[in-house]
Each structure stands twice: as C-alpha cells, then as structure tokens.
Amino acid sequence: RRLDAFSHKQLSDQTEAHAEELMSTDTAPQL
C-alpha cells in the first residue's frame, strides 16, 4: 500500500505541476 501511495503521490505532484502550467495558459473551464 505504501508503495502504491508513493507512486500515487508522485503522479499527483506531476499533475499539480502540470495543472499550474495549464492554469496560466488555459481558461476557466479547464480550471
């Protein structure tokens, strides 16, 4: 489970970074 959680955390970090990049560029529907 910890291995799964660690893998999910890395994925979430990557998605947040990607979201921040998209927030600056995308519109409200994307938000």
ModelCIF file with pLDDT and N, C-alpha, C, O atoms, coordinates in Angstrom:
data_MODEL
#
_entry.id   MODEL 
#
_entity.id                         1 
_entity.type                       polymer 
_entity.pdbx_number_of_molecules   1 
#
_entity_poly.entity_id                      1 
_entity_poly.type                           'polypeptide(L)' 
_entity_poly.nstd_linkage                   no 
_entity_poly.nstd_monomer                   no 
_entity_poly.pdbx_seq_one_letter_code       RRLDAFSHKQLSDQTEAHAEELMSTDTAPQL 
_entity_poly.pdbx_seq_one_letter_code_can   RRLDAFSHKQLSDQTEAHAEELMSTDTAPQL 
_entity_poly.pdbx_strand_id                 A 
#
loop_
_entity_poly_seq.entity_id 
_entity_poly_seq.num 
_entity_poly_seq.mon_id 
_entity_poly_seq.hetero 
1 1  ARG n 
1 2  ARG n 
1 3  LEU n 
1 4  ASP n 
1 5  ALA n 
1 6  PHE n 
1 7  SER n 
1 8  HIS n 
1 9  LYS n 
1 10 GLN n 
1 11 LEU n 
1 12 SER n 
1 13 ASP n 
1 14 GLN n 
1 15 THR n 
1 16 GLU n 
1 17 ALA n 
1 18 HIS n 
1 19 ALA n 
1 20 GLU n 
1 21 GLU n 
1 22 LEU n 
1 23 MET n 
1 24 SER n 
1 25 THR n 
1 26 ASP n 
1 27 THR n 
1 28 ALA n 
1 29 PRO n 
1 30 GLN n 
1 31 LEU n 
#
_struct_asym.id          A 
_struct_asym.entity_id   1 
#
loop_
_ma_qa_metric.id 
_ma_qa_metric.mode 
_ma_qa_metric.name 
_ma_qa_metric.software_group_id 
_ma_qa_metric.type 
1 global pLDDT . pLDDT 
2 local  pLDDT . pLDDT 
#
_ma_qa_metric_global.metric_id      1 
_ma_qa_metric_global.metric_value   69.32 
_ma_qa_metric_global.model_id       1 
_ma_qa_metric_global.ordinal_id     1 
#
loop_
_ma_qa_metric_local.label_asym_id 
_ma_qa_metric_local.label_comp_id 
_ma_qa_metric_local.label_seq_id 
_ma_qa_metric_local.metric_id 
_ma_qa_metric_local.metric_value 
_ma_qa_metric_local.model_id 
_ma_qa_metric_local.ordinal_id 
A ARG 1  2 85.00 1 1  
A ARG 2  2 84.00 1 2  
A LEU 3  2 85.00 1 3  
A ASP 4  2 85.00 1 4  
A ALA 5  2 83.00 1 5  
A PHE 6  2 82.00 1 6  
A SER 7  2 82.00 1 7  
A HIS 8  2 82.00 1 8  
A LYS 9  2 79.00 1 9  
A GLN 10 2 76.00 1 10 
A LEU 11 2 79.00 1 11 
A SER 12 2 76.00 1 12 
A ASP 13 2 74.00 1 13 
A GLN 14 2 75.00 1 14 
A THR 15 2 77.00 1 15 
A GLU 16 2 74.00 1 16 
A ALA 17 2 72.00 1 17 
A HIS 18 2 69.00 1 18 
A ALA 19 2 70.00 1 19 
A GLU 20 2 71.00 1 20 
A GLU 21 2 71.00 1 21 
A LEU 22 2 66.00 1 22 
A MET 23 2 62.00 1 23 
A SER 24 2 59.00 1 24 
A THR 25 2 59.00 1 25 
A ASP 26 2 51.00 1 26 
A THR 27 2 46.00 1 27 
A ALA 28 2 44.00 1 28 
A PRO 29 2 44.00 1 29 
A GLN 30 2 46.00 1 30 
A LEU 31 2 41.00 1 31 
#
loop_
_atom_site.group_PDB 
_atom_site.id 
_atom_site.type_symbol 
_atom_site.label_atom_id 
_atom_site.label_alt_id 
_atom_site.label_comp_id 
_atom_site.label_asym_id 
_atom_site.label_entity_id 
_atom_site.label_seq_id 
_atom_site.pdbx_PDB_ins_code 
_atom_site.Cartn_x 
_atom_site.Cartn_y 
_atom_site.Cartn_z 
_atom_site.occupancy 
_atom_site.B_iso_or_equiv 
_atom_site.pdbx_formal_charge 
_atom_site.auth_seq_id 
_atom_site.auth_comp_id 
_atom_site.auth_asym_id 
_atom_site.auth_atom_id 
_atom_site.pdbx_PDB_model_num 
ATOM 1   N N  . ARG A 1 1  ? 0.828   -1.217 0.000   1.00 85.00 ? 1  ARG A N  1 
ATOM 2   C CA . ARG A 1 1  ? 0.000   0.000  0.000   1.00 85.00 ? 1  ARG A CA 1 
ATOM 3   C C  . ARG A 1 1  ? 0.862   1.267  0.000   1.00 85.00 ? 1  ARG A C  1 
ATOM 4   O O  . ARG A 1 1  ? 0.563   2.229  -0.708  1.00 85.00 ? 1  ARG A O  1 
ATOM 5   N N  . ARG A 1 2  ? 1.969   1.259  0.825   1.00 84.00 ? 2  ARG A N  1 
ATOM 6   C CA . ARG A 1 2  ? 2.845   2.440  0.850   1.00 84.00 ? 2  ARG A CA 1 
ATOM 7   C C  . ARG A 1 2  ? 3.495   2.655  -0.521  1.00 84.00 ? 2  ARG A C  1 
ATOM 8   O O  . ARG A 1 2  ? 3.678   3.780  -0.985  1.00 84.00 ? 2  ARG A O  1 
ATOM 9   N N  . LEU A 1 3  ? 3.839   1.504  -1.156  1.00 85.00 ? 3  LEU A N  1 
ATOM 10  C CA . LEU A 1 3  ? 4.406   1.651  -2.491  1.00 85.00 ? 3  LEU A CA 1 
ATOM 11  C C  . LEU A 1 3  ? 3.384   2.259  -3.452  1.00 85.00 ? 3  LEU A C  1 
ATOM 12  O O  . LEU A 1 3  ? 3.714   3.123  -4.265  1.00 85.00 ? 3  LEU A O  1 
ATOM 13  N N  . ASP A 1 4  ? 2.143   1.795  -3.345  1.00 85.00 ? 4  ASP A N  1 
ATOM 14  C CA . ASP A 1 4  ? 1.093   2.370  -4.190  1.00 85.00 ? 4  ASP A CA 1 
ATOM 15  C C  . ASP A 1 4  ? 0.870   3.860  -3.869  1.00 85.00 ? 4  ASP A C  1 
ATOM 16  O O  . ASP A 1 4  ? 0.669   4.677  -4.768  1.00 85.00 ? 4  ASP A O  1 
ATOM 17  N N  . ALA A 1 5  ? 0.913   4.201  -2.536  1.00 83.00 ? 5  ALA A N  1 
ATOM 18  C CA . ALA A 1 5  ? 0.697   5.592  -2.136  1.00 83.00 ? 5  ALA A CA 1 
ATOM 19  C C  . ALA A 1 5  ? 1.816   6.476  -2.655  1.00 83.00 ? 5  ALA A C  1 
ATOM 20  O O  . ALA A 1 5  ? 1.583   7.589  -3.125  1.00 83.00 ? 5  ALA A O  1 
ATOM 21  N N  . PHE A 1 6  ? 3.061   5.951  -2.562  1.00 82.00 ? 6  PHE A N  1 
ATOM 22  C CA . PHE A 1 6  ? 4.190   6.729  -3.046  1.00 82.00 ? 6  PHE A CA 1 
ATOM 23  C C  . PHE A 1 6  ? 4.100   6.964  -4.550  1.00 82.00 ? 6  PHE A C  1 
ATOM 24  O O  . PHE A 1 6  ? 4.396   8.051  -5.048  1.00 82.00 ? 6  PHE A O  1 
ATOM 25  N N  . SER A 1 7  ? 3.689   5.933  -5.249  1.00 82.00 ? 7  SER A N  1 
ATOM 26  C CA . SER A 1 7  ? 3.541   6.097  -6.709  1.00 82.00 ? 7  SER A CA 1 
ATOM 27  C C  . SER A 1 7  ? 2.416   7.079  -7.025  1.00 82.00 ? 7  SER A C  1 
ATOM 28  O O  . SER A 1 7  ? 2.545   7.889  -7.943  1.00 82.00 ? 7  SER A O  1 
ATOM 29  N N  . HIS A 1 8  ? 1.288   7.016  -6.260  1.00 82.00 ? 8  HIS A N  1 
ATOM 30  C CA . HIS A 1 8  ? 0.189   7.970  -6.466  1.00 82.00 ? 8  HIS A CA 1 
ATOM 31  C C  . HIS A 1 8  ? 0.619   9.410  -6.132  1.00 82.00 ? 8  HIS A C  1 
ATOM 32  O O  . HIS A 1 8  ? 0.213   10.362 -6.799  1.00 82.00 ? 8  HIS A O  1 
ATOM 33  N N  . LYS A 1 9  ? 1.461   9.550  -5.071  1.00 79.00 ? 9  LYS A N  1 
ATOM 34  C CA . LYS A 1 9  ? 1.919   10.897 -4.684  1.00 79.00 ? 9  LYS A CA 1 
ATOM 35  C C  . LYS A 1 9  ? 2.759   11.519 -5.778  1.00 79.00 ? 9  LYS A C  1 
ATOM 36  O O  . LYS A 1 9  ? 2.621   12.701 -6.095  1.00 79.00 ? 9  LYS A O  1 
ATOM 37  N N  . GLN A 1 10 ? 3.653   10.686 -6.366  1.00 76.00 ? 10 GLN A N  1 
ATOM 38  C CA . GLN A 1 10 ? 4.457   11.220 -7.470  1.00 76.00 ? 10 GLN A CA 1 
ATOM 39  C C  . GLN A 1 10 ? 3.555   11.650 -8.633  1.00 76.00 ? 10 GLN A C  1 
ATOM 40  O O  . GLN A 1 10 ? 3.751   12.704 -9.239  1.00 76.00 ? 10 GLN A O  1 
ATOM 41  N N  . LEU A 1 11 ? 2.589   10.823 -8.917  1.00 79.00 ? 11 LEU A N  1 
ATOM 42  C CA . LEU A 1 11 ? 1.657   11.174 -10.006 1.00 79.00 ? 11 LEU A CA 1 
ATOM 43  C C  . LEU A 1 11 ? 0.894   12.464 -9.687  1.00 79.00 ? 11 LEU A C  1 
ATOM 44  O O  . LEU A 1 11 ? 0.668   13.299 -10.564 1.00 79.00 ? 11 LEU A O  1 
ATOM 45  N N  . SER A 1 12 ? 0.499   12.612 -8.409  1.00 76.00 ? 12 SER A N  1 
ATOM 46  C CA . SER A 1 12 ? -0.268  13.848 -8.040  1.00 76.00 ? 12 SER A CA 1 
ATOM 47  C C  . SER A 1 12 ? 0.606   15.105 -8.143  1.00 76.00 ? 12 SER A C  1 
ATOM 48  O O  . SER A 1 12 ? 0.159   16.167 -8.578  1.00 76.00 ? 12 SER A O  1 
ATOM 49  N N  . ASP A 1 13 ? 1.888   14.939 -7.719  1.00 74.00 ? 13 ASP A N  1 
ATOM 50  C CA . ASP A 1 13 ? 2.801   16.082 -7.831  1.00 74.00 ? 13 ASP A CA 1 
ATOM 51  C C  . ASP A 1 13 ? 2.985   16.499 -9.298  1.00 74.00 ? 13 ASP A C  1 
ATOM 52  O O  . ASP A 1 13 ? 2.979   17.678 -9.651  1.00 74.00 ? 13 ASP A O  1 
ATOM 53  N N  . GLN A 1 14 ? 3.146   15.475 -10.116 1.00 75.00 ? 14 GLN A N  1 
ATOM 54  C CA . GLN A 1 14 ? 3.318   15.763 -11.537 1.00 75.00 ? 14 GLN A CA 1 
ATOM 55  C C  . GLN A 1 14 ? 2.052   16.416 -12.102 1.00 75.00 ? 14 GLN A C  1 
ATOM 56  O O  . GLN A 1 14 ? 2.140   17.341 -12.910 1.00 75.00 ? 14 GLN A O  1 
ATOM 57  N N  . THR A 1 15 ? 0.905   15.950 -11.689 1.00 77.00 ? 15 THR A N  1 
ATOM 58  C CA . THR A 1 15 ? -0.365  16.532 -12.194 1.00 77.00 ? 15 THR A CA 1 
ATOM 59  C C  . THR A 1 15 ? -0.569  17.953 -11.706 1.00 77.00 ? 15 THR A C  1 
ATOM 60  O O  . THR A 1 15 ? -1.080  18.803 -12.436 1.00 77.00 ? 15 THR A O  1 
ATOM 61  N N  . GLU A 1 16 ? -0.151  18.219 -10.418 1.00 74.00 ? 16 GLU A N  1 
ATOM 62  C CA . GLU A 1 16 ? -0.288  19.594 -9.900  1.00 74.00 ? 16 GLU A CA 1 
ATOM 63  C C  . GLU A 1 16 ? 0.613   20.567 -10.696 1.00 74.00 ? 16 GLU A C  1 
ATOM 64  O O  . GLU A 1 16 ? 0.206   21.670 -11.061 1.00 74.00 ? 16 GLU A O  1 
ATOM 65  N N  . ALA A 1 17 ? 1.841   20.111 -10.944 1.00 72.00 ? 17 ALA A N  1 
ATOM 66  C CA . ALA A 1 17 ? 2.754   20.973 -11.698 1.00 72.00 ? 17 ALA A CA 1 
ATOM 67  C C  . ALA A 1 17 ? 2.209   21.217 -13.105 1.00 72.00 ? 17 ALA A C  1 
ATOM 68  O O  . ALA A 1 17 ? 2.277   22.318 -13.650 1.00 72.00 ? 17 ALA A O  1 
ATOM 69  N N  . HIS A 1 18 ? 1.687   20.173 -13.641 1.00 69.00 ? 18 HIS A N  1 
ATOM 70  C CA . HIS A 1 18 ? 1.125   20.303 -14.964 1.00 69.00 ? 18 HIS A CA 1 
ATOM 71  C C  . HIS A 1 18 ? -0.115  21.191 -14.944 1.00 69.00 ? 18 HIS A C  1 
ATOM 72  O O  . HIS A 1 18 ? -0.379  21.926 -15.895 1.00 69.00 ? 18 HIS A O  1 
ATOM 73  N N  . ALA A 1 19 ? -0.883  21.113 -13.836 1.00 70.00 ? 19 ALA A N  1 
ATOM 74  C CA . ALA A 1 19 ? -2.090  21.929 -13.715 1.00 70.00 ? 19 ALA A CA 1 
ATOM 75  C C  . ALA A 1 19 ? -1.732  23.406 -13.561 1.00 70.00 ? 19 ALA A C  1 
ATOM 76  O O  . ALA A 1 19 ? -2.367  24.280 -14.151 1.00 70.00 ? 19 ALA A O  1 
ATOM 77  N N  . GLU A 1 20 ? -0.705  23.661 -12.757 1.00 71.00 ? 20 GLU A N  1 
ATOM 78  C CA . GLU A 1 20 ? -0.289  25.059 -12.604 1.00 71.00 ? 20 GLU A CA 1 
ATOM 79  C C  . GLU A 1 20 ? 0.156   25.650 -13.942 1.00 71.00 ? 20 GLU A C  1 
ATOM 80  O O  . GLU A 1 20 ? -0.127  26.805 -14.259 1.00 71.00 ? 20 GLU A O  1 
ATOM 81  N N  . GLU A 1 21 ? 0.850   24.835 -14.702 1.00 71.00 ? 21 GLU A N  1 
ATOM 82  C CA . GLU A 1 21 ? 1.261   25.329 -16.008 1.00 71.00 ? 21 GLU A CA 1 
ATOM 83  C C  . GLU A 1 21 ? 0.041   25.584 -16.894 1.00 71.00 ? 21 GLU A C  1 
ATOM 84  O O  . GLU A 1 21 ? -0.014  26.560 -17.642 1.00 71.00 ? 21 GLU A O  1 
ATOM 85  N N  . LEU A 1 22 ? -0.934  24.678 -16.790 1.00 66.00 ? 22 LEU A N  1 
ATOM 86  C CA . LEU A 1 22 ? -2.119  24.823 -17.613 1.00 66.00 ? 22 LEU A CA 1 
ATOM 87  C C  . LEU A 1 22 ? -2.999  25.977 -17.136 1.00 66.00 ? 22 LEU A C  1 
ATOM 88  O O  . LEU A 1 22 ? -3.686  26.622 -17.928 1.00 66.00 ? 22 LEU A O  1 
ATOM 89  N N  . MET A 1 23 ? -2.963  26.229 -15.794 1.00 62.00 ? 23 MET A N  1 
ATOM 90  C CA . MET A 1 23 ? -3.794  27.320 -15.256 1.00 62.00 ? 23 MET A CA 1 
ATOM 91  C C  . MET A 1 23 ? -3.363  28.684 -15.820 1.00 62.00 ? 23 MET A C  1 
ATOM 92  O O  . MET A 1 23 ? -4.176  29.576 -16.058 1.00 62.00 ? 23 MET A O  1 
ATOM 93  N N  . SER A 1 24 ? -2.136  28.788 -16.007 1.00 59.00 ? 24 SER A N  1 
ATOM 94  C CA . SER A 1 24 ? -1.670  30.058 -16.569 1.00 59.00 ? 24 SER A CA 1 
ATOM 95  C C  . SER A 1 24 ? -2.035  30.201 -18.043 1.00 59.00 ? 24 SER A C  1 
ATOM 96  O O  . SER A 1 24 ? -2.097  31.312 -18.570 1.00 59.00 ? 24 SER A O  1 
ATOM 97  N N  . THR A 1 25 ? -2.262  29.129 -18.671 1.00 59.00 ? 25 THR A N  1 
ATOM 98  C CA . THR A 1 25 ? -2.494  29.156 -20.102 1.00 59.00 ? 25 THR A CA 1 
ATOM 99  C C  . THR A 1 25 ? -3.949  28.858 -20.469 1.00 59.00 ? 25 THR A C  1 
ATOM 100 O O  . THR A 1 25 ? -4.467  29.400 -21.445 1.00 59.00 ? 25 THR A O  1 
ATOM 101 N N  . ASP A 1 26 ? -4.609  27.997 -19.687 1.00 51.00 ? 26 ASP A N  1 
ATOM 102 C CA . ASP A 1 26 ? -5.967  27.559 -20.074 1.00 51.00 ? 26 ASP A CA 1 
ATOM 103 C C  . ASP A 1 26 ? -6.998  28.509 -19.521 1.00 51.00 ? 26 ASP A C  1 
ATOM 104 O O  . ASP A 1 26 ? -6.685  29.449 -18.791 1.00 51.00 ? 26 ASP A O  1 
ATOM 105 N N  . THR A 1 27 ? -8.218  28.245 -19.881 1.00 46.00 ? 27 THR A N  1 
ATOM 106 C CA . THR A 1 27 ? -9.355  29.063 -19.467 1.00 46.00 ? 27 THR A CA 1 
ATOM 107 C C  . THR A 1 27 ? -10.016 28.481 -18.247 1.00 46.00 ? 27 THR A C  1 
ATOM 108 O O  . THR A 1 27 ? -9.577  27.490 -17.663 1.00 46.00 ? 27 THR A O  1 
ATOM 109 N N  . ALA A 1 28 ? -11.166 29.189 -17.868 1.00 44.00 ? 28 ALA A N  1 
ATOM 110 C CA . ALA A 1 28 ? -11.901 28.768 -16.661 1.00 44.00 ? 28 ALA A CA 1 
ATOM 111 C C  . ALA A 1 28 ? -12.441 27.348 -16.744 1.00 44.00 ? 28 ALA A C  1 
ATOM 112 O O  . ALA A 1 28 ? -12.386 26.626 -15.748 1.00 44.00 ? 28 ALA A O  1 
ATOM 113 N N  . PRO A 1 29 ? -12.965 26.913 -17.898 1.00 44.00 ? 29 PRO A N  1 
ATOM 114 C CA . PRO A 1 29 ? -13.445 25.520 -17.928 1.00 44.00 ? 29 PRO A CA 1 
ATOM 115 C C  . PRO A 1 29 ? -12.352 24.518 -17.596 1.00 44.00 ? 29 PRO A C  1 
ATOM 116 O O  . PRO A 1 29 ? -12.587 23.465 -17.002 1.00 44.00 ? 29 PRO A O  1 
ATOM 117 N N  . GLN A 1 30 ? -11.208 24.874 -17.985 1.00 46.00 ? 30 GLN A N  1 
ATOM 118 C CA . GLN A 1 30 ? -10.097 23.975 -17.644 1.00 46.00 ? 30 GLN A CA 1 
ATOM 119 C C  . GLN A 1 30 ? -9.855  23.968 -16.137 1.00 46.00 ? 30 GLN A C  1 
ATOM 120 O O  . GLN A 1 30 ? -9.521  22.944 -15.542 1.00 46.00 ? 30 GLN A O  1 
ATOM 121 N N  . LEU A 1 31 ? -10.044 25.192 -15.521 1.00 41.00 ? 31 LEU A N  1 
ATOM 122 C CA . LEU A 1 31 ? -9.877  25.264 -14.069 1.00 41.00 ? 31 LEU A CA 1 
ATOM 123 C C  . LEU A 1 31 ? -10.900 24.387 -13.362 1.00 41.00 ? 31 LEU A C  1 
ATOM 124 O O  . LEU A 1 31 ? -10.913 24.321 -12.133 1.00 41.00 ? 31 LEU A O  1 
#
